[in-house]
Amino acid sequence: MSLIKRSFTLEGHKTSIALEVEFWEVLEKIAAKKQISMPHLISEIDSVRDLRPLASSLRVFCLKHCA
């Protein structure tokens, strides 16, 4: 299973995130449902994550959303 890397600017800093295509699809659906951009959604998740890496936080967010 390959990872898809996307680049974003969060809080003024550029970052790249690599996730499986399935996680990107879930994030895109959530952003569309909330009527916000993908960078905005990722920023929201980033602002409340603990010490976990951002990619891991995004995966956990997706899993919780689908549960």
PDB file of N, CA and C in Angstrom:
ATOM      1  N   MET A   1       0.855  -1.177   0.000  1.00  0.00           N
ATOM      2  CA  MET A   1       0.000   0.000   0.000  1.00  0.00           C
ATOM      3  C   MET A   1       0.896   1.234   0.000  1.00  0.00           C
ATOM      4  N   SER A   2       0.682   2.092  -0.959  1.00  0.00           N
ATOM      5  CA  SER A   2       1.535   3.275  -1.059  1.00  0.00           C
ATOM      6  C   SER A   2       0.900   4.481  -0.382  1.00  0.00           C
ATOM      7  N   LEU A   3       1.758   5.395  -0.004  1.00  0.00           N
ATOM      8  CA  LEU A   3       1.316   6.618   0.652  1.00  0.00           C
ATOM      9  C   LEU A   3       1.243   7.737  -0.372  1.00  0.00           C
ATOM     10  N   ILE A   4       0.289   8.633  -0.173  1.00  0.00           N
ATOM     11  CA  ILE A   4       0.139   9.828  -0.992  1.00  0.00           C
ATOM     12  C   ILE A   4       0.598  11.001  -0.135  1.00  0.00           C
ATOM     13  N   LYS A   5       1.557  11.765  -0.642  1.00  0.00           N
ATOM     14  CA  LYS A   5       2.074  12.909   0.104  1.00  0.00           C
ATOM     15  C   LYS A   5       1.429  14.190  -0.421  1.00  0.00           C
ATOM     16  N   ARG A   6       0.954  15.005   0.512  1.00  0.00           N
ATOM     17  CA  ARG A   6       0.381  16.314   0.176  1.00  0.00           C
ATOM     18  C   ARG A   6       1.043  17.362   1.047  1.00  0.00           C
ATOM     19  N   SER A   7       1.186  18.555   0.506  1.00  0.00           N
ATOM     20  CA  SER A   7       1.822  19.657   1.239  1.00  0.00           C
ATOM     21  C   SER A   7       0.787  20.702   1.607  1.00  0.00           C
ATOM     22  N   PHE A   8       0.936  21.235   2.808  1.00  0.00           N
ATOM     23  CA  PHE A   8       0.016  22.241   3.336  1.00  0.00           C
ATOM     24  C   PHE A   8       0.817  23.298   4.085  1.00  0.00           C
ATOM     25  N   THR A   9       0.203  24.451   4.277  1.00  0.00           N
ATOM     26  CA  THR A   9       0.754  25.473   5.156  1.00  0.00           C
ATOM     27  C   THR A   9      -0.155  25.544   6.371  1.00  0.00           C
ATOM     28  N   LEU A  10       0.418  25.235   7.532  1.00  0.00           N
ATOM     29  CA  LEU A  10      -0.328  25.256   8.793  1.00  0.00           C
ATOM     30  C   LEU A  10       0.328  26.258   9.730  1.00  0.00           C
ATOM     31  N   GLU A  11      -0.439  27.199  10.196  1.00  0.00           N
ATOM     32  CA  GLU A  11       0.077  28.224  11.107  1.00  0.00           C
ATOM     33  C   GLU A  11       1.318  28.897  10.521  1.00  0.00           C
ATOM     34  N   GLY A  12       1.311  29.102   9.213  1.00  0.00           N
ATOM     35  CA  GLY A  12       2.411  29.797   8.565  1.00  0.00           C
ATOM     36  C   GLY A  12       3.624  28.938   8.239  1.00  0.00           C
ATOM     37  N   HIS A  13       3.555  27.647   8.543  1.00  0.00           N
ATOM     38  CA  HIS A  13       4.676  26.747   8.288  1.00  0.00           C
ATOM     39  C   HIS A  13       4.266  25.683   7.273  1.00  0.00           C
ATOM     40  N   LYS A  14       5.127  25.462   6.288  1.00  0.00           N
ATOM     41  CA  LYS A  14       4.851  24.424   5.299  1.00  0.00           C
ATOM     42  C   LYS A  14       5.151  23.058   5.891  1.00  0.00           C
ATOM     43  N   THR A  15       4.288  22.111   5.597  1.00  0.00           N
ATOM     44  CA  THR A  15       4.486  20.746   6.049  1.00  0.00           C
ATOM     45  C   THR A  15       3.968  19.786   4.992  1.00  0.00           C
ATOM     46  N   SER A  16       4.520  18.604   4.971  1.00  0.00           N
ATOM     47  CA  SER A  16       4.050  17.554   4.077  1.00  0.00           C
ATOM     48  C   SER A  16       3.542  16.403   4.922  1.00  0.00           C
ATOM     49  N   ILE A  17       2.434  15.832   4.484  1.00  0.00           N
ATOM     50  CA  ILE A  17       1.816  14.730   5.212  1.00  0.00           C
ATOM     51  C   ILE A  17       1.635  13.579   4.242  1.00  0.00           C
ATOM     52  N   ALA A  18       2.041  12.392   4.650  1.00  0.00           N
ATOM     53  CA  ALA A  18       1.889  11.198   3.823  1.00  0.00           C
ATOM     54  C   ALA A  18       0.875  10.267   4.479  1.00  0.00           C
ATOM     55  N   LEU A  19      -0.199   9.987   3.757  1.00  0.00           N
ATOM     56  CA  LEU A  19      -1.252   9.087   4.233  1.00  0.00           C
ATOM     57  C   LEU A  19      -1.684   8.162   3.108  1.00  0.00           C
ATOM     58  N   GLU A  20      -2.302   7.074   3.471  1.00  0.00           N
ATOM     59  CA  GLU A  20      -2.891   6.173   2.495  1.00  0.00           C
ATOM     60  C   GLU A  20      -4.072   6.878   1.834  1.00  0.00           C
ATOM     61  N   VAL A  21      -4.342   6.516   0.585  1.00  0.00           N
ATOM     62  CA  VAL A  21      -5.404   7.168  -0.192  1.00  0.00           C
ATOM     63  C   VAL A  21      -6.748   7.091   0.521  1.00  0.00           C
ATOM     64  N   GLU A  22      -7.009   6.011   1.225  1.00  0.00           N
ATOM     65  CA  GLU A  22      -8.293   5.854   1.924  1.00  0.00           C
ATOM     66  C   GLU A  22      -8.487   6.920   2.998  1.00  0.00           C
ATOM     67  N   PHE A  23      -7.414   7.270   3.694  1.00  0.00           N
ATOM     68  CA  PHE A  23      -7.515   8.315   4.718  1.00  0.00           C
ATOM     69  C   PHE A  23      -7.735   9.683   4.075  1.00  0.00           C
ATOM     70  N   TRP A  24      -7.059   9.951   2.945  1.00  0.00           N
ATOM     71  CA  TRP A  24      -7.295  11.212   2.253  1.00  0.00           C
ATOM     72  C   TRP A  24      -8.744  11.312   1.804  1.00  0.00           C
ATOM     73  N   GLU A  25      -9.311  10.214   1.350  1.00  0.00           N
ATOM     74  CA  GLU A  25     -10.714  10.220   0.905  1.00  0.00           C
ATOM     75  C   GLU A  25     -11.652  10.549   2.055  1.00  0.00           C
ATOM     76  N   VAL A  26     -11.403   9.954   3.218  1.00  0.00           N
ATOM     77  CA  VAL A  26     -12.245  10.237   4.384  1.00  0.00           C
ATOM     78  C   VAL A  26     -12.109  11.703   4.789  1.00  0.00           C
ATOM     79  N   LEU A  27     -10.890  12.208   4.823  1.00  0.00           N
ATOM     80  CA  LEU A  27     -10.675  13.619   5.184  1.00  0.00           C
ATOM     81  C   LEU A  27     -11.366  14.552   4.199  1.00  0.00           C
ATOM     82  N   GLU A  28     -11.306  14.234   2.919  1.00  0.00           N
ATOM     83  CA  GLU A  28     -11.977  15.063   1.906  1.00  0.00           C
ATOM     84  C   GLU A  28     -13.489  15.072   2.113  1.00  0.00           C
ATOM     85  N   LYS A  29     -14.060  13.921   2.438  1.00  0.00           N
ATOM     86  CA  LYS A  29     -15.502  13.844   2.687  1.00  0.00           C
ATOM     87  C   LYS A  29     -15.894  14.648   3.929  1.00  0.00           C
ATOM     88  N   ILE A  30     -15.083  14.558   4.968  1.00  0.00           N
ATOM     89  CA  ILE A  30     -15.372  15.307   6.190  1.00  0.00           C
ATOM     90  C   ILE A  30     -15.293  16.803   5.920  1.00  0.00           C
ATOM     91  N   ALA A  31     -14.250  17.240   5.212  1.00  0.00           N
ATOM     92  CA  ALA A  31     -14.100  18.666   4.893  1.00  0.00           C
ATOM     93  C   ALA A  31     -15.280  19.153   4.052  1.00  0.00           C
ATOM     94  N   ALA A  32     -15.695  18.362   3.081  1.00  0.00           N
ATOM     95  CA  ALA A  32     -16.829  18.756   2.236  1.00  0.00           C
ATOM     96  C   ALA A  32     -18.109  18.847   3.059  1.00  0.00           C
ATOM     97  N   LYS A  33     -18.309  17.882   3.947  1.00  0.00           N
ATOM     98  CA  LYS A  33     -19.512  17.881   4.785  1.00  0.00           C
ATOM     99  C   LYS A  33     -19.545  19.104   5.705  1.00  0.00           C
ATOM    100  N   LYS A  34     -18.374  19.486   6.232  1.00  0.00           N
ATOM    101  CA  LYS A  34     -18.280  20.655   7.106  1.00  0.00           C
ATOM    102  C   LYS A  34     -18.189  21.958   6.317  1.00  0.00           C
ATOM    103  N   GLN A  35     -18.078  21.840   4.997  1.00  0.00           N
ATOM    104  CA  GLN A  35     -17.951  22.985   4.096  1.00  0.00           C
ATOM    105  C   GLN A  35     -16.731  23.848   4.447  1.00  0.00           C
ATOM    106  N   ILE A  36     -15.606  23.160   4.663  1.00  0.00           N
ATOM    107  CA  ILE A  36     -14.340  23.838   4.917  1.00  0.00           C
ATOM    108  C   ILE A  36     -13.278  23.226   4.002  1.00  0.00           C
ATOM    109  N   SER A  37     -12.181  23.926   3.849  1.00  0.00           N
ATOM    110  CA  SER A  37     -11.102  23.418   3.013  1.00  0.00           C
ATOM    111  C   SER A  37     -10.329  22.321   3.751  1.00  0.00           C
ATOM    112  N   MET A  38      -9.604  21.538   2.985  1.00  0.00           N
ATOM    113  CA  MET A  38      -8.766  20.502   3.588  1.00  0.00           C
ATOM    114  C   MET A  38      -7.715  21.113   4.528  1.00  0.00           C
ATOM    115  N   PRO A  39      -7.011  22.186   4.122  1.00  0.00           N
ATOM    116  CA  PRO A  39      -6.065  22.791   5.067  1.00  0.00           C
ATOM    117  C   PRO A  39      -6.727  23.264   6.367  1.00  0.00           C
ATOM    118  N   HIS A  40      -7.939  23.782   6.254  1.00  0.00           N
ATOM    119  CA  HIS A  40      -8.659  24.227   7.461  1.00  0.00           C
ATOM    120  C   HIS A  40      -8.944  23.033   8.374  1.00  0.00           C
ATOM    121  N   LEU A  41      -9.419  21.929   7.804  1.00  0.00           N
ATOM    122  CA  LEU A  41      -9.705  20.730   8.602  1.00  0.00           C
ATOM    123  C   LEU A  41      -8.429  20.223   9.269  1.00  0.00           C
ATOM    124  N   ILE A  42      -7.360  20.146   8.515  1.00  0.00           N
ATOM    125  CA  ILE A  42      -6.101  19.650   9.075  1.00  0.00           C
ATOM    126  C   ILE A  42      -5.601  20.581  10.165  1.00  0.00           C
ATOM    127  N   SER A  43      -5.780  21.875   9.981  1.00  0.00           N
ATOM    128  CA  SER A  43      -5.402  22.847  11.018  1.00  0.00           C
ATOM    129  C   SER A  43      -6.201  22.624  12.304  1.00  0.00           C
ATOM    130  N   GLU A  44      -7.493  22.356  12.149  1.00  0.00           N
ATOM    131  CA  GLU A  44      -8.332  22.079  13.323  1.00  0.00           C
ATOM    132  C   GLU A  44      -7.823  20.854  14.079  1.00  0.00           C
ATOM    133  N   ILE A  45      -7.520  19.806  13.343  1.00  0.00           N
ATOM    134  CA  ILE A  45      -7.034  18.574  13.969  1.00  0.00           C
ATOM    135  C   ILE A  45      -5.669  18.820  14.605  1.00  0.00           C
ATOM    136  N   ASP A  46      -4.814  19.553  13.917  1.00  0.00           N
ATOM    137  CA  ASP A  46      -3.478  19.860  14.425  1.00  0.00           C
ATOM    138  C   ASP A  46      -3.548  20.649  15.724  1.00  0.00           C
ATOM    139  N   SER A  47      -4.521  21.536  15.840  1.00  0.00           N
ATOM    140  CA  SER A  47      -4.604  22.411  17.017  1.00  0.00           C
ATOM    141  C   SER A  47      -5.006  21.672  18.288  1.00  0.00           C
ATOM    142  N   VAL A  48      -5.594  20.487  18.157  1.00  0.00           N
ATOM    143  CA  VAL A  48      -6.048  19.765  19.352  1.00  0.00           C
ATOM    144  C   VAL A  48      -5.305  18.448  19.579  1.00  0.00           C
ATOM    145  N   ARG A  49      -4.322  18.170  18.740  1.00  0.00           N
ATOM    146  CA  ARG A  49      -3.609  16.899  18.915  1.00  0.00           C
ATOM    147  C   ARG A  49      -2.653  16.991  20.095  1.00  0.00           C
ATOM    148  N   ASP A  50      -2.339  15.830  20.637  1.00  0.00           N
ATOM    149  CA  ASP A  50      -1.379  15.787  21.739  1.00  0.00           C
ATOM    150  C   ASP A  50       0.025  15.643  21.144  1.00  0.00           C
ATOM    151  N   LEU A  51       0.867  14.868  21.741  1.00  0.00           N
ATOM    152  CA  LEU A  51       2.233  14.703  21.255  1.00  0.00           C
ATOM    153  C   LEU A  51       2.339  13.743  20.074  1.00  0.00           C
ATOM    154  N   ARG A  52       1.224  13.161  19.694  1.00  0.00           N
ATOM    155  CA  ARG A  52       1.196  12.218  18.573  1.00  0.00           C
ATOM    156  C   ARG A  52       1.573  12.949  17.277  1.00  0.00           C
ATOM    157  N   PRO A  53       2.321  12.294  16.371  1.00  0.00           N
ATOM    158  CA  PRO A  53       2.621  12.921  15.078  1.00  0.00           C
ATOM    159  C   PRO A  53       1.341  13.280  14.313  1.00  0.00           C
ATOM    160  N   LEU A  54       1.424  14.303  13.475  1.00  0.00           N
ATOM    161  CA  LEU A  54       0.240  14.780  12.765  1.00  0.00           C
ATOM    162  C   LEU A  54      -0.396  13.696  11.908  1.00  0.00           C
ATOM    163  N   ALA A  55       0.391  12.944  11.165  1.00  0.00           N
ATOM    164  CA  ALA A  55      -0.176  11.891  10.313  1.00  0.00           C
ATOM    165  C   ALA A  55      -0.944  10.868  11.155  1.00  0.00           C
ATOM    166  N   SER A  56      -0.410  10.509  12.300  1.00  0.00           N
ATOM    167  CA  SER A  56      -1.106   9.577  13.193  1.00  0.00           C
ATOM    168  C   SER A  56      -2.389  10.192  13.722  1.00  0.00           C
ATOM    169  N   SER A  57      -2.344  11.466  14.068  1.00  0.00           N
ATOM    170  CA  SER A  57      -3.539  12.155  14.559  1.00  0.00           C
ATOM    171  C   SER A  57      -4.627  12.186  13.493  1.00  0.00           C
ATOM    172  N   LEU A  58      -4.238  12.377  12.245  1.00  0.00           N
ATOM    173  CA  LEU A  58      -5.216  12.382  11.153  1.00  0.00           C
ATOM    174  C   LEU A  58      -5.843  10.998  10.981  1.00  0.00           C
ATOM    175  N   ARG A  59      -5.034   9.953  11.076  1.00  0.00           N
ATOM    176  CA  ARG A  59      -5.577   8.592  10.956  1.00  0.00           C
ATOM    177  C   ARG A  59      -6.564   8.301  12.091  1.00  0.00           C
ATOM    178  N   VAL A  60      -6.192   8.659  13.317  1.00  0.00           N
ATOM    179  CA  VAL A  60      -7.072   8.431  14.472  1.00  0.00           C
ATOM    180  C   VAL A  60      -8.358   9.233  14.312  1.00  0.00           C
ATOM    181  N   PHE A  61      -8.262  10.482  13.855  1.00  0.00           N
ATOM    182  CA  PHE A  61      -9.435  11.309  13.610  1.00  0.00           C
ATOM    183  C   PHE A  61     -10.376  10.613  12.632  1.00  0.00           C
ATOM    184  N   CYS A  62      -9.826  10.087  11.550  1.00  0.00           N
ATOM    185  CA  CYS A  62     -10.638   9.387  10.552  1.00  0.00           C
ATOM    186  C   CYS A  62     -11.323   8.167  11.159  1.00  0.00           C
ATOM    187  N   LEU A  63     -10.568   7.392  11.929  1.00  0.00           N
ATOM    188  CA  LEU A  63     -11.134   6.198  12.551  1.00  0.00           C
ATOM    189  C   LEU A  63     -12.258   6.543  13.512  1.00  0.00           C
ATOM    190  N   LYS A  64     -12.071   7.581  14.312  1.00  0.00           N
ATOM    191  CA  LYS A  64     -13.114   8.005  15.247  1.00  0.00           C
ATOM    192  C   LYS A  64     -14.333   8.510  14.493  1.00  0.00           C
ATOM    193  N   HIS A  65     -14.114   9.203  13.388  1.00  0.00           N
ATOM    194  CA  HIS A  65     -15.218   9.729  12.596  1.00  0.00           C
ATOM    195  C   HIS A  65     -16.052   8.601  11.992  1.00  0.00           C
ATOM    196  N   CYS A  66     -15.387   7.525  11.607  1.00  0.00           N
ATOM    197  CA  CYS A  66     -16.074   6.401  10.946  1.00  0.00           C
ATOM    198  C   CYS A  66     -16.696   5.421  11.934  1.00  0.00           C
ATOM    199  N   ALA A  67     -16.334   5.537  13.204  1.00  0.00           N
ATOM    200  CA  ALA A  67     -16.841   4.591  14.213  1.00  0.00           C
ATOM    201  C   ALA A  67     -18.275   4.870  14.584  1.00  0.00           C
TER     202      ALA A  67
END
